[in-house]
Protein backbone atom coordinates (compact mmCIF):
# COMPACT_ATOMS: atom_id res chain seq x y z
CA UNK A 1 66.90 -76.39 79.72
CA UNK A 2 67.90 -75.45 83.29
CA UNK A 3 71.37 -74.05 83.86
CA UNK A 4 73.87 -75.09 86.55
CA UNK A 5 77.03 -73.28 87.59
CA UNK A 6 79.44 -73.80 90.47
CA UNK A 7 82.80 -72.62 91.76
CA UNK A 8 85.35 -73.43 94.42
CA UNK A 9 88.61 -71.51 94.65
CA UNK A 10 90.30 -68.43 96.07
CA UNK A 11 88.04 -65.76 94.55
CA UNK A 12 84.75 -64.30 95.70
CA UNK A 13 82.12 -66.72 94.44
CA UNK A 14 78.98 -64.61 93.83
CA UNK A 15 80.23 -62.60 90.80
CA UNK A 16 81.53 -65.80 89.21
CA UNK A 17 78.20 -67.57 89.70
CA UNK A 18 76.18 -64.65 88.35
CA UNK A 19 78.46 -64.31 85.32
CA UNK A 20 78.08 -68.01 84.60
CA UNK A 21 74.29 -67.86 84.87
CA UNK A 22 74.16 -64.88 82.50
CA UNK A 23 76.09 -66.86 79.92
CA UNK A 24 73.48 -69.64 80.19
CA UNK A 25 70.41 -67.42 79.81
CA UNK A 26 70.00 -68.60 76.22
CA UNK A 27 68.98 -72.04 77.52
CA UNK A 28 65.64 -70.62 78.72
CA UNK A 29 64.52 -70.23 82.32
CA UNK A 30 61.84 -68.74 84.57
CA UNK A 31 63.61 -68.35 87.95
CA UNK A 32 67.11 -68.31 89.36
CA UNK A 33 69.03 -68.70 92.60
CA UNK A 34 72.37 -69.02 94.38
CA UNK A 35 73.67 -70.91 97.40
CA UNK A 36 76.99 -69.96 99.01
CA UNK A 37 78.90 -71.35 101.98
CA UNK A 38 79.33 -68.15 103.96
CA UNK A 39 81.21 -68.37 107.27
CA UNK A 40 80.34 -72.04 107.65
CA UNK A 41 76.64 -71.42 107.00
CA UNK A 42 74.61 -72.02 103.85
CA UNK A 43 73.07 -68.84 102.54
CA UNK A 44 70.66 -68.90 99.60
CA UNK A 45 69.00 -66.24 97.51
CA UNK A 46 66.30 -67.04 94.96
CA UNK A 47 63.94 -65.13 92.72
CA UNK A 48 61.31 -65.83 90.10
CA UNK A 49 61.77 -64.17 86.73
CA UNK A 50 64.92 -63.14 84.93
CA UNK A 51 68.41 -62.77 86.42
CA UNK A 52 67.82 -59.04 86.73
CA UNK A 53 65.35 -59.83 89.52
CA UNK A 54 68.02 -61.85 91.33
CA UNK A 55 70.56 -59.07 90.78
CA UNK A 56 68.15 -56.57 92.35
CA UNK A 57 67.84 -58.79 95.42
CA UNK A 58 71.62 -59.04 95.71
CA UNK A 59 71.78 -55.28 96.24
CA UNK A 60 70.22 -55.77 99.67
CA UNK A 61 71.54 -59.27 100.47
CA UNK A 62 75.23 -60.08 100.90
CA UNK A 63 76.49 -63.51 99.90
CA UNK A 64 80.22 -63.89 100.46
CA UNK A 65 82.42 -66.95 100.26
CA UNK A 66 84.66 -68.96 97.96
CA UNK A 67 82.34 -71.95 97.34
CA UNK A 68 78.89 -71.89 95.82
CA UNK A 69 76.40 -73.12 93.24
CA UNK A 70 73.83 -71.37 91.06
CA UNK A 71 70.87 -72.34 88.92
CA UNK A 72 68.39 -71.09 86.33
CA UNK A 73 65.18 -73.14 86.33
CA UNK A 74 62.86 -74.09 83.47
CA UNK A 75 59.70 -75.23 85.24
CA UNK A 76 58.61 -78.86 85.04
CA UNK A 77 57.17 -79.65 88.48
CA UNK A 78 55.58 -76.69 90.20
CA UNK A 79 54.86 -73.17 89.00
CA UNK A 80 57.70 -70.75 88.19
CA UNK A 81 57.60 -69.03 91.58
CA UNK A 82 60.31 -68.33 94.16
CA UNK A 83 59.61 -71.29 96.43
CA UNK A 84 60.20 -73.66 93.51
CA UNK A 85 63.43 -72.00 92.38
CA UNK A 86 66.74 -73.77 93.02
CA UNK A 87 68.90 -74.25 95.05
CA UNK A 88 66.93 -76.47 97.42
CA UNK A 89 68.10 -77.30 100.92
CA UNK A 90 68.05 -79.95 103.58
CA UNK A 91 69.35 -79.29 107.08
CA UNK A 92 73.01 -79.46 106.04
CA UNK A 93 72.93 -79.51 102.22
CA UNK A 94 72.30 -77.12 99.33
CA UNK A 95 71.62 -78.67 95.91
CA UNK A 96 70.79 -77.74 92.31
CA UNK A 97 69.46 -80.22 89.75
CA UNK A 98 68.67 -80.49 86.04
CA UNK A 99 66.42 -83.28 84.78
CA UNK A 100 63.37 -85.06 86.17
CA UNK A 101 63.12 -87.48 89.08
CA UNK A 102 60.40 -89.82 87.85
CA UNK A 103 59.76 -91.52 91.21
CA UNK A 104 59.77 -88.34 93.28
CA UNK A 105 56.20 -88.82 94.54
CA UNK A 106 57.08 -92.21 96.03
CA UNK A 107 60.27 -90.81 97.60
CA UNK A 108 58.44 -87.75 98.89
CA UNK A 109 55.78 -89.86 100.60
CA UNK A 110 58.45 -91.98 102.31
CA UNK A 111 60.34 -88.91 103.51
CA UNK A 112 57.15 -87.22 104.73
CA UNK A 113 56.35 -90.35 106.73
CA UNK A 114 59.78 -89.90 108.32
CA UNK A 115 58.88 -86.35 109.36
CA UNK A 116 60.32 -84.27 106.52
CA UNK A 117 58.40 -81.09 105.72
CA UNK A 118 58.73 -79.95 102.10
CA UNK A 119 58.89 -76.28 101.13
CA UNK A 120 58.37 -76.57 97.35
CA UNK A 121 56.29 -78.37 94.74
CA UNK A 122 59.34 -79.64 92.83
CA UNK A 123 60.65 -83.12 92.20
CA UNK A 124 64.15 -81.83 92.99
CA UNK A 125 63.57 -81.19 96.70
CA UNK A 126 63.39 -84.90 97.45
CA UNK A 127 67.10 -85.24 96.57
CA UNK A 128 68.67 -83.17 99.40
CA UNK A 129 66.28 -84.69 101.94
CA UNK A 130 67.03 -88.20 100.69
CA UNK A 131 70.76 -87.51 101.04
CA UNK A 132 70.12 -86.06 104.50
CA UNK A 133 68.39 -89.29 105.51
CA UNK A 134 71.49 -91.29 104.58
CA UNK A 135 73.78 -88.66 106.11
CA UNK A 136 72.26 -89.35 109.52
CA UNK A 137 73.20 -93.02 109.12
CA UNK A 138 76.55 -92.69 107.32
CA UNK A 139 77.91 -89.52 108.92
CA UNK A 140 79.69 -88.76 105.63
CA UNK A 141 78.29 -86.66 102.80
CA UNK A 142 80.06 -88.61 100.05
CA UNK A 143 78.77 -91.96 101.31
CA UNK A 144 75.29 -90.50 101.73
CA UNK A 145 75.33 -89.38 98.09
CA UNK A 146 76.42 -92.81 96.84
CA UNK A 147 73.63 -94.41 98.88
CA UNK A 148 70.98 -91.97 97.56
CA UNK A 149 71.81 -92.20 93.85
CA UNK A 150 70.44 -95.74 93.25
CA UNK A 151 67.09 -94.61 94.69
CA UNK A 152 66.66 -91.95 92.01
CA UNK A 153 64.87 -92.89 88.79
CA UNK A 154 65.07 -90.55 85.84
CA UNK A 155 67.49 -87.96 84.51
CA UNK A 156 69.69 -85.85 86.70
CA UNK A 157 72.71 -83.62 86.74
CA UNK A 158 73.18 -82.37 90.27
CA UNK A 159 75.65 -80.30 92.24
CA UNK A 160 75.65 -80.01 96.03
CA UNK A 161 77.72 -78.98 98.99
CA UNK A 162 77.44 -79.51 102.72
CA UNK A 163 78.37 -77.64 105.88
CA UNK A 164 80.07 -80.84 107.04
CA UNK A 165 82.53 -80.79 104.11
CA UNK A 166 83.20 -77.09 103.54
CA UNK A 167 85.95 -77.53 100.93
CA UNK A 168 84.10 -79.73 98.43
CA UNK A 169 81.37 -79.61 95.82
CA UNK A 170 79.95 -82.97 94.74
CA UNK A 171 78.37 -83.54 91.35
CA UNK A 172 76.61 -86.53 89.80
CA UNK A 173 75.37 -87.12 86.25
CA UNK A 174 72.83 -89.37 84.61
CA UNK A 175 71.35 -88.36 81.20
CA UNK A 176 71.73 -84.59 81.70
CA UNK A 177 74.89 -82.70 80.69
CA UNK A 178 77.48 -81.58 83.25
CA UNK A 179 80.92 -80.16 82.52
CA UNK A 180 83.80 -79.46 84.92
CA UNK A 181 86.20 -76.59 84.24
CA UNK A 182 89.76 -76.96 85.47
CA UNK A 183 91.53 -73.73 86.40
CA UNK A 184 94.62 -72.72 88.36
CA UNK A 185 93.84 -73.39 92.03
CA UNK A 186 90.15 -73.26 91.15
CA UNK A 187 87.48 -75.62 89.83
CA UNK A 188 84.30 -74.68 87.98
CA UNK A 189 81.22 -76.58 86.87
CA UNK A 190 78.43 -75.84 84.45
CA UNK A 191 75.73 -77.47 82.38
CA UNK A 192 77.14 -75.96 79.18
CA UNK A 193 80.48 -74.70 77.90
CA UNK A 194 79.76 -70.93 77.52
CA UNK A 195 79.54 -70.56 81.31
CA UNK A 196 83.18 -71.66 81.62
CA UNK A 197 84.82 -69.75 78.78
CA UNK A 198 85.58 -66.60 80.80
CA UNK A 199 87.65 -68.65 83.25
CA UNK A 200 89.03 -71.72 81.49
CA UNK A 201 88.89 -73.74 78.29
CA UNK A 202 90.18 -76.93 79.91
CA UNK A 203 87.21 -79.15 80.70
CA UNK A 204 86.21 -82.61 81.84
CA UNK A 205 82.95 -83.77 80.25
CA UNK A 206 81.25 -86.14 82.70
CA UNK A 207 79.75 -89.35 81.39
CA UNK A 208 76.50 -90.89 82.60
CA UNK A 209 76.96 -92.85 85.82
CA UNK A 210 79.76 -90.66 87.17
CA UNK A 211 80.27 -88.75 90.42
CA UNK A 212 82.93 -86.05 90.81
CA UNK A 213 84.46 -84.53 93.93
CA UNK A 214 85.51 -80.95 93.22
CA UNK A 215 88.01 -79.08 95.34
CA UNK A 216 90.05 -75.98 94.55
CA UNK A 217 92.27 -77.05 91.65
CA UNK A 218 91.54 -80.75 92.12
CA UNK A 219 88.98 -83.15 90.60
CA UNK A 220 88.38 -86.80 91.47
CA UNK A 221 85.91 -88.85 89.41
CA UNK A 222 84.31 -92.19 90.32
CA UNK A 223 81.45 -94.28 89.00
CA UNK A 224 78.24 -94.71 90.99
CA UNK A 225 79.86 -97.71 92.72
CA UNK A 226 82.79 -95.62 94.04
CA UNK A 227 85.44 -97.04 91.68
CA UNK A 228 87.95 -94.34 90.73
CA UNK A 229 88.11 -93.43 87.05
CA UNK A 230 90.80 -91.92 84.86
CA UNK A 231 89.40 -88.92 82.98
CA UNK A 232 90.84 -86.79 80.21
CA UNK A 233 90.88 -83.01 80.19
CA UNK A 234 89.85 -81.56 76.83
CA UNK A 235 90.70 -78.16 75.39
CA UNK A 236 87.72 -76.20 74.05
CA UNK A 237 88.45 -74.28 70.84
CA UNK A 238 85.59 -71.78 71.28
CA UNK A 239 86.51 -68.37 72.61
CA UNK A 240 84.54 -66.18 74.96
CA UNK A 241 84.10 -63.69 72.12
CA UNK A 242 82.41 -66.36 69.99
CA UNK A 243 79.59 -66.46 72.53
CA UNK A 244 79.05 -62.66 72.58
CA UNK A 245 76.89 -60.41 70.39
CA UNK A 246 79.74 -58.41 68.80
CA UNK A 247 77.58 -55.36 68.17
CA UNK A 248 74.46 -57.12 66.88
CA UNK A 249 71.13 -56.34 68.51
CA UNK A 250 70.44 -60.03 69.16
CA UNK A 251 72.32 -63.30 69.12
CA UNK A 252 69.87 -64.58 66.51
CA UNK A 253 70.83 -61.79 64.09
CA UNK A 254 74.52 -62.41 64.73
CA UNK A 255 74.07 -66.12 64.11
CA UNK A 256 72.14 -65.50 60.86
CA UNK A 257 75.08 -63.43 59.63
CA UNK A 258 77.60 -66.04 60.80
CA UNK A 259 76.16 -68.71 58.53
CA UNK A 260 78.49 -68.20 55.54
CA UNK A 261 81.56 -68.62 57.79
CA UNK A 262 80.11 -71.55 59.72
CA UNK A 263 79.08 -73.39 56.53
CA UNK A 264 82.63 -72.86 55.29
CA UNK A 265 83.90 -74.37 58.56
CA UNK A 266 81.60 -77.35 58.08
CA UNK A 267 82.94 -77.91 54.56
CA UNK A 268 86.60 -77.25 55.38
CA UNK A 269 88.85 -80.28 55.01
CA UNK A 270 85.96 -82.44 53.86
CA UNK A 271 85.28 -81.23 50.32
CA UNK A 272 88.22 -81.53 47.95
CA UNK A 273 88.44 -78.34 45.90
CA UNK A 274 89.98 -80.14 42.91
CA UNK A 275 87.89 -83.26 42.31
CA UNK A 276 85.04 -82.42 44.75
CA UNK A 277 85.32 -85.72 46.60
CA UNK A 278 84.01 -85.88 50.17
CA UNK A 279 86.40 -86.96 52.90
CA UNK A 280 85.08 -87.02 56.48
CA UNK A 281 87.88 -86.65 58.97
CA UNK A 282 85.42 -87.54 61.73
CA UNK A 283 84.89 -91.04 60.33
CA UNK A 284 87.79 -93.45 60.44
CA UNK A 285 86.30 -95.98 57.99
CA UNK A 286 85.53 -94.06 54.82
CA UNK A 287 83.77 -97.07 53.27
CA UNK A 288 81.43 -97.67 56.20
CA UNK A 289 78.38 -96.55 54.18
CA UNK A 290 78.81 -98.87 51.19
CA UNK A 291 76.65 -101.72 52.48
CA UNK A 292 73.79 -99.55 53.73
CA UNK A 293 70.37 -100.61 52.38
CA UNK A 294 68.10 -98.33 54.39
CA UNK A 295 68.48 -95.08 56.33
CA UNK A 296 66.42 -94.16 59.39
CA UNK A 297 66.68 -90.48 60.41
CA UNK A 298 65.58 -89.26 63.85
CA UNK A 299 65.47 -85.79 65.38
CA UNK A 300 63.30 -83.24 67.17
CA UNK A 301 62.11 -79.78 66.19
CA UNK A 302 64.47 -77.99 63.82
CA UNK A 303 66.74 -81.06 63.68
CA UNK A 304 63.76 -83.12 62.52
CA UNK A 305 63.21 -80.64 59.70
CA UNK A 306 66.87 -80.99 58.71
CA UNK A 307 66.31 -84.74 58.66
CA UNK A 308 63.32 -84.39 56.34
CA UNK A 309 65.42 -82.44 53.84
CA UNK A 310 68.30 -84.88 54.21
CA UNK A 311 65.95 -87.79 53.61
CA UNK A 312 64.74 -86.23 50.37
CA UNK A 313 68.30 -85.70 49.16
CA UNK A 314 69.44 -89.23 50.06
CA UNK A 315 66.49 -90.83 48.28
CA UNK A 316 66.80 -88.70 45.16
CA UNK A 317 70.55 -88.58 44.70
CA UNK A 318 71.88 -91.68 46.54
CA UNK A 319 68.77 -93.74 45.67
CA UNK A 320 68.35 -95.21 49.13
CA UNK A 321 65.04 -95.79 50.96
CA UNK A 322 64.79 -93.37 53.87
CA UNK A 323 62.41 -92.99 56.80
CA UNK A 324 62.39 -89.81 58.88
CA UNK A 325 60.75 -89.77 62.30
CA UNK A 326 60.31 -87.54 65.32
CA UNK A 327 62.53 -89.04 68.00
CA UNK A 328 59.94 -88.71 70.78
CA UNK A 329 57.57 -90.98 68.82
CA UNK A 330 60.20 -93.39 67.53
CA UNK A 331 61.24 -94.45 71.02
CA UNK A 332 57.71 -95.51 72.03
CA UNK A 333 57.03 -97.95 69.28
CA UNK A 334 58.81 -100.98 67.85
CA UNK A 335 60.49 -99.74 64.68
CA UNK A 336 61.38 -102.29 62.02
CA UNK A 337 64.95 -101.81 60.89
CA UNK A 338 66.01 -103.42 57.63
CA UNK A 339 69.26 -105.35 57.41
CA UNK A 340 72.14 -102.88 57.05
CA UNK A 341 70.11 -99.95 58.38
CA UNK A 342 71.97 -96.75 59.19
CA UNK A 343 70.26 -94.66 61.85
CA UNK A 344 71.18 -90.97 61.62
CA UNK A 345 70.51 -89.01 64.82
CA UNK A 346 70.46 -85.21 64.49
CA UNK A 347 70.87 -82.86 67.45
CA UNK A 348 72.46 -79.46 67.90
CA UNK A 349 73.38 -79.96 71.54
CA UNK A 350 74.13 -83.67 71.50
CA UNK A 351 72.01 -83.97 74.64
CA UNK A 352 68.38 -83.95 73.40
CA UNK A 353 66.76 -86.53 75.67
CA UNK A 354 64.31 -88.01 73.14
CA UNK A 355 66.97 -88.30 70.44
CA UNK A 356 69.43 -89.94 72.82
CA UNK A 357 66.80 -92.51 73.87
CA UNK A 358 65.73 -93.18 70.25
CA UNK A 359 69.36 -93.69 69.24
CA UNK A 360 69.88 -96.11 72.11
CA UNK A 361 66.86 -98.08 70.88
CA UNK A 362 68.22 -98.18 67.32
CA UNK A 363 71.57 -99.51 68.57
CA UNK A 364 69.78 -102.13 70.66
CA UNK A 365 67.94 -103.26 67.51
CA UNK A 366 71.23 -103.69 65.68
CA UNK A 367 71.40 -100.59 63.49
CA UNK A 368 74.61 -98.84 62.59
CA UNK A 369 74.50 -95.32 63.97
CA UNK A 370 75.73 -91.92 62.85
CA UNK A 371 75.15 -88.59 64.58
CA UNK A 372 75.12 -85.10 63.08
CA UNK A 373 75.93 -82.86 66.01
CA UNK A 374 77.46 -79.49 66.87
CA UNK A 375 78.79 -80.01 70.39
CA UNK A 376 81.99 -82.04 70.54
CA UNK A 377 81.84 -85.10 72.81
CA UNK A 378 78.15 -84.65 73.61
CA UNK A 379 76.16 -87.70 74.70
CA UNK A 380 75.01 -88.49 71.15
CA UNK A 381 78.53 -88.18 69.75
CA UNK A 382 79.84 -90.68 72.29
CA UNK A 383 76.88 -93.02 71.80
CA UNK A 384 76.96 -93.40 68.00
CA UNK A 385 79.35 -95.43 65.86
CA UNK A 386 80.25 -92.40 63.76
CA UNK A 387 79.81 -88.64 64.17
CA UNK A 388 79.73 -85.71 61.75
CA UNK A 389 80.42 -82.49 63.63
CA UNK A 390 78.81 -79.43 62.08
CA UNK A 391 81.37 -76.93 63.47
CA UNK A 392 78.70 -74.25 63.88
CA UNK A 393 80.32 -72.86 67.04
CA UNK A 394 78.27 -71.79 70.06
CA UNK A 395 74.65 -71.05 69.15
CA UNK A 396 73.19 -68.86 71.88
CA UNK A 397 69.78 -67.83 70.54
CA UNK A 398 67.08 -70.38 71.38
CA UNK A 399 65.79 -70.25 67.79
CA UNK A 400 68.26 -72.28 65.76
CA UNK A 401 69.72 -70.77 62.59
CA UNK A 402 73.36 -71.66 61.87
CA UNK A 403 73.00 -75.05 63.56
CA UNK A 404 70.21 -75.87 61.08
CA UNK A 405 72.06 -74.77 57.95
CA UNK A 406 75.25 -76.59 59.00
CA UNK A 407 73.17 -79.72 59.62
CA UNK A 408 71.89 -79.38 56.06
CA UNK A 409 75.47 -78.88 54.85
CA UNK A 410 76.52 -82.11 56.59
CA UNK A 411 73.60 -83.91 54.91
CA UNK A 412 74.63 -82.51 51.52
CA UNK A 413 78.12 -83.93 51.93
CA UNK A 414 76.79 -87.26 53.18
CA UNK A 415 74.48 -87.41 50.14
CA UNK A 416 77.28 -86.78 47.65
CA UNK A 417 79.57 -89.29 49.38
CA UNK A 418 76.92 -92.02 49.24
CA UNK A 419 75.98 -91.15 45.66
CA UNK A 420 79.63 -91.52 44.61
CA UNK A 421 80.08 -94.80 46.51
CA UNK A 422 76.85 -96.22 45.09
CA UNK A 423 77.52 -94.82 41.59
CA UNK A 424 74.01 -93.37 41.38
CA UNK A 425 75.18 -90.10 39.80
CA UNK A 426 77.59 -89.80 36.92
CA UNK A 427 80.97 -88.27 37.77
CA UNK A 428 80.47 -85.07 35.75
CA UNK A 429 77.25 -84.25 37.60
CA UNK A 430 78.83 -85.11 40.95
CA UNK A 431 81.59 -82.64 40.20
CA UNK A 432 79.06 -79.95 39.24
CA UNK A 433 77.12 -80.50 42.47
CA UNK A 434 80.36 -80.55 44.47
CA UNK A 435 81.37 -77.23 42.93
CA UNK A 436 78.07 -75.67 44.01
CA UNK A 437 78.62 -77.05 47.50
CA UNK A 438 81.93 -75.20 47.52
CA UNK A 439 80.03 -72.04 46.55
CA UNK A 440 77.53 -72.36 49.40
CA UNK A 441 79.14 -69.78 51.75
CA UNK A 442 79.12 -67.18 48.97
CA UNK A 443 75.52 -68.01 48.01
CA UNK A 444 74.34 -67.63 51.61
CA UNK A 445 76.21 -64.34 51.95
CA UNK A 446 74.58 -63.06 48.75
CA UNK A 447 71.14 -64.12 50.00
CA UNK A 448 71.60 -62.20 53.24
CA UNK A 449 72.77 -59.10 51.35
CA UNK A 450 69.89 -59.31 48.86
CA UNK A 451 67.37 -59.17 51.70
CA UNK A 452 69.03 -56.54 53.88
CA UNK A 453 66.02 -54.24 53.43
CA UNK A 454 63.42 -56.86 54.34
CA UNK A 455 62.55 -54.99 57.53
CA UNK A 456 61.12 -52.12 55.50
CA UNK A 457 58.44 -54.40 54.06
CA UNK A 458 57.38 -56.18 57.25
CA UNK A 459 55.65 -53.56 59.38
CA UNK A 460 52.13 -54.68 58.27
CA UNK A 461 52.78 -58.29 59.29
CA UNK A 462 53.03 -57.60 63.01
CA UNK A 463 49.23 -57.28 63.26
CA UNK A 464 48.46 -60.76 61.96
CA UNK A 465 47.71 -63.68 64.27
CA UNK A 466 48.22 -66.42 61.65
CA UNK A 467 50.62 -67.29 58.82
CA UNK A 468 50.70 -70.21 56.39
CA UNK A 469 53.86 -71.49 54.70
CA UNK A 470 53.90 -74.02 51.90
CA UNK A 471 56.38 -75.72 49.62
CA UNK A 472 56.83 -78.94 47.69
CA UNK A 473 59.52 -81.60 47.58
CA UNK A 474 62.55 -80.78 49.70
CA UNK A 475 61.14 -77.27 50.23
CA UNK A 476 58.23 -78.60 52.28
CA UNK A 477 60.44 -79.08 55.37
CA UNK A 478 61.70 -75.53 54.83
CA UNK A 479 58.08 -74.37 55.01
CA UNK A 480 57.82 -76.22 58.34
CA UNK A 481 61.04 -74.63 59.55
CA UNK A 482 59.97 -71.14 58.44
CA UNK A 483 56.69 -71.53 60.31
CA UNK A 484 58.53 -72.82 63.39
CA UNK A 485 60.91 -69.84 63.43
CA UNK A 486 58.06 -67.37 63.17
CA UNK A 487 55.99 -68.96 65.94
CA UNK A 488 59.03 -69.42 68.21
CA UNK A 489 60.14 -65.81 68.35
CA UNK A 490 57.11 -63.70 67.34
CA UNK A 491 54.37 -65.86 68.98
CA UNK A 492 52.35 -65.65 65.75
CA UNK A 493 50.53 -68.88 65.01
CA UNK A 494 52.10 -70.34 61.86
CA UNK A 495 51.84 -73.67 60.06
CA UNK A 496 53.68 -75.27 57.18
CA UNK A 497 52.02 -77.44 54.52
CA UNK A 498 52.79 -79.30 51.33
CA UNK A 499 51.53 -77.32 48.37
CA UNK A 500 49.62 -80.30 46.99
CA UNK A 501 47.78 -80.74 50.29
CA UNK A 502 46.22 -77.30 50.36
CA UNK A 503 43.03 -78.50 48.70
CA UNK A 504 42.70 -81.31 51.23
CA UNK A 505 41.80 -79.10 54.18
CA UNK A 506 44.16 -76.15 54.80
CA UNK A 507 42.57 -74.02 52.07
CA UNK A 508 39.59 -73.66 54.41
CA UNK A 509 41.81 -71.43 56.56
CA UNK A 510 42.31 -68.88 53.78
CA UNK A 511 40.57 -65.58 54.38
CA UNK A 512 41.01 -62.02 53.17
CA UNK A 513 44.52 -60.72 53.90
CA UNK A 514 45.93 -63.93 55.46
CA UNK A 515 49.71 -63.97 54.82
CA UNK A 516 50.79 -67.05 52.87
CA UNK A 517 54.50 -67.72 52.24
CA UNK A 518 55.15 -69.74 49.06
CA UNK A 519 58.51 -71.32 48.23
CA UNK A 520 59.44 -71.59 44.55
CA UNK A 521 60.44 -74.91 43.00
CA UNK A 522 62.32 -76.29 40.01
CA UNK A 523 60.98 -77.52 36.63
CA UNK A 524 57.45 -78.92 36.58
CA UNK A 525 56.94 -78.44 40.31
CA UNK A 526 57.23 -74.69 39.84
CA UNK A 527 54.11 -74.65 37.65
CA UNK A 528 52.34 -76.80 40.24
CA UNK A 529 53.33 -74.34 42.96
CA UNK A 530 52.12 -71.44 40.86
CA UNK A 531 48.71 -73.12 40.63
CA UNK A 532 48.68 -73.52 44.42
CA UNK A 533 49.50 -69.83 44.83
CA UNK A 534 46.75 -68.85 42.43
CA UNK A 535 44.25 -70.92 44.42
CA UNK A 536 44.94 -69.15 47.72
CA UNK A 537 45.29 -65.73 46.08
CA UNK A 538 41.85 -66.13 44.53
CA UNK A 539 40.50 -66.51 48.06
CA UNK A 540 42.05 -63.28 49.32
CA UNK A 541 45.42 -64.44 50.69
CA UNK A 542 48.32 -61.98 50.90
CA UNK A 543 51.15 -63.72 49.00
CA UNK A 544 54.79 -63.60 50.08
CA UNK A 545 56.86 -65.55 47.57
CA UNK A 546 60.47 -66.71 47.79
CA UNK A 547 61.89 -67.23 44.30
CA UNK A 548 65.18 -67.18 42.43
CA UNK A 549 66.54 -64.25 40.45
CA UNK A 550 65.35 -64.62 36.88
CA UNK A 551 62.26 -66.62 37.89
CA UNK A 552 59.28 -64.36 37.13
CA UNK A 553 56.66 -67.03 37.83
CA UNK A 554 55.42 -65.32 41.01
CA UNK A 555 56.00 -61.63 40.26
CA UNK A 556 52.48 -60.83 39.08
CA UNK A 557 50.75 -62.78 41.79
CA UNK A 558 52.88 -61.76 44.79
CA UNK A 559 52.27 -58.93 47.24
CA UNK A 560 55.86 -59.26 48.46
CA UNK A 561 58.47 -61.04 46.34
CA UNK A 562 61.62 -62.15 48.21
CA UNK A 563 64.52 -63.01 45.92
CA UNK A 564 67.40 -65.48 46.29
CA UNK A 565 70.31 -66.30 43.93
CA UNK A 566 69.90 -68.86 41.15
CA UNK A 567 70.99 -72.24 42.51
CA UNK A 568 70.71 -75.95 41.74
CA UNK A 569 67.93 -78.19 42.97
CA UNK A 570 70.37 -79.70 45.46
CA UNK A 571 71.05 -76.55 47.49
CA UNK A 572 67.75 -74.71 46.88
CA UNK A 573 66.18 -75.70 50.24
CA UNK A 574 69.18 -74.44 52.23
CA UNK A 575 69.20 -71.09 50.42
CA UNK A 576 65.41 -70.70 50.89
CA UNK A 577 65.95 -71.06 54.63
CA UNK A 578 67.88 -67.79 54.93
CA UNK A 579 65.15 -65.24 54.05
CA UNK A 580 62.64 -67.14 56.21
CA UNK A 581 64.98 -66.75 59.19
CA UNK A 582 65.29 -63.04 58.40
CA UNK A 583 61.52 -62.67 57.95
CA UNK A 584 60.84 -64.19 61.38
CA UNK A 585 63.51 -62.01 62.97
CA UNK A 586 62.33 -58.66 61.59
CA UNK A 587 58.67 -59.37 62.43
CA UNK A 588 59.56 -60.39 66.00
CA UNK A 589 61.79 -57.34 66.40
CA UNK A 590 59.03 -55.01 65.21
CA UNK A 591 56.70 -56.65 67.74
CA UNK A 592 59.22 -56.06 70.52
CA UNK A 593 59.51 -59.76 71.40
CA UNK A 594 62.29 -61.33 73.47
CA UNK A 595 63.96 -62.83 70.42
CA UNK A 596 66.87 -64.71 71.97
CA UNK A 597 64.90 -66.05 74.93
CA UNK A 598 61.31 -66.62 73.76
CA UNK A 599 58.80 -67.54 76.41
CA UNK A 600 58.41 -71.16 77.52
CA UNK A 601 61.28 -72.38 75.30
CA UNK A 602 64.69 -73.82 76.14
CA UNK A 603 67.78 -74.23 73.99
CA UNK A 604 68.66 -77.78 74.94
CA UNK A 605 65.74 -80.08 75.78
CA UNK A 606 67.32 -82.54 78.20
CA UNK A 607 64.07 -83.83 79.70
CA UNK A 608 61.27 -85.75 78.04
């Protein structure tokens, strides 16, 4: 979602702020702005559109100083125009904010009755004016902030400074991420780690309910009730280079090609190469899954699709009942959790608002909780009883690729661990499946190489407005994910369906030339899928099949046959994912779309 950066120290602030905002562009935004304390006065510059528009304005506007804040906005309240861009100001305060203030209309009415005139349509603008109201009474910006916070309902990560305290930036966090970077004689802040990597890898990750006072080289953290807190500085292992393109045209393409290495990282130290046992270093109690009777999986978007595949694996191989639900729906009903339920929350960022809230509900109802997450010490990781980190590294492109396949890898390991503990698979087969897990990085690398020329076959597909994807079993969620990738970055309408459901409605959509992507299956399901393909082909569909080497089931009836290596039923869905990512990428590239920053989308959805 929105991006926040800030700096206080000896250097000129504007280049640091702009560099930080550029590193957060992947989060998605529609306007941007800066506020700098310049000669004792607050100077702001804002622009709708991309950062290039703000850079153009900077050529004719000078912002100098050693303290400032910056923001990229993803519109929630008010159109994406300059007046609604952050930072917002009161008489003495400049402020940026991520999240949503749910009671802003009530606060705005009260402030208007007190004579405040608002310049924007945002919920954010009530915050600086509310602090200003308390500043008149308290005479101290810190005390005014503490007084204002309890009046705010909703999610917020905010950063502000005041003319009355020219050597301090104040930040406050509740349900939106905020990270402080600690440098030599300088302090940085950002809503995500990549904005800090150029300057420092020593960070303080703020918890909900915390306020921080930032000065050059000094940080003081309190709770909302002004009690001082001891905080720990963490060292980030990511490098600046890990968050750069390294010669690839787009971050998405780079991240597709990184998948073999990142899957290897996910497996490293967890899969014994001799007896193929699973050992999670992230989980202190290795036997904590033995008494589980039911698994409830929650996630949003791509993470939800990973959960659907994981649920299939856990039911089939660990023989456990599993329910998989979209987190935004789960939190608004009263789910029934069986005794000894394990709730698995999946999120790339660790900050997805709906998943966090759903996980909190599951804990309240007494479930054991496990998160599958990429970002170390994210909100979800701190909230759950256990965490499996995917070790995917920074994923910059909005469309998730390596985060998805490492989530699937984590689910594969969890499945084999539970199957061994529950004795639902004989040891010889467990070892065979474990060996194939060890081969996953090679298999993914082979799949990428096998489809290196896919671009040559995709020129005709740029003209289509619709695509259908379908699969069966654990490949059905891959059909959903393939459709999601295509619609996200190419803006082509695409839907995924179960093969067996085609006759129950979707077949009415088939018309001459409509591209239909069919995912091959194993054993009897492959013949069923072939029948489904024949049905849509007979009605004029253009068939794109994804099948294994040596499987000639779809050759005669395919217009484009995409091949993958021969694999087991266990890892088939993960391998099928790779060419669908590549298909979406090459079509979007041929269309000239903004692949890494597709319209209206954000990387980390930290608001409801």
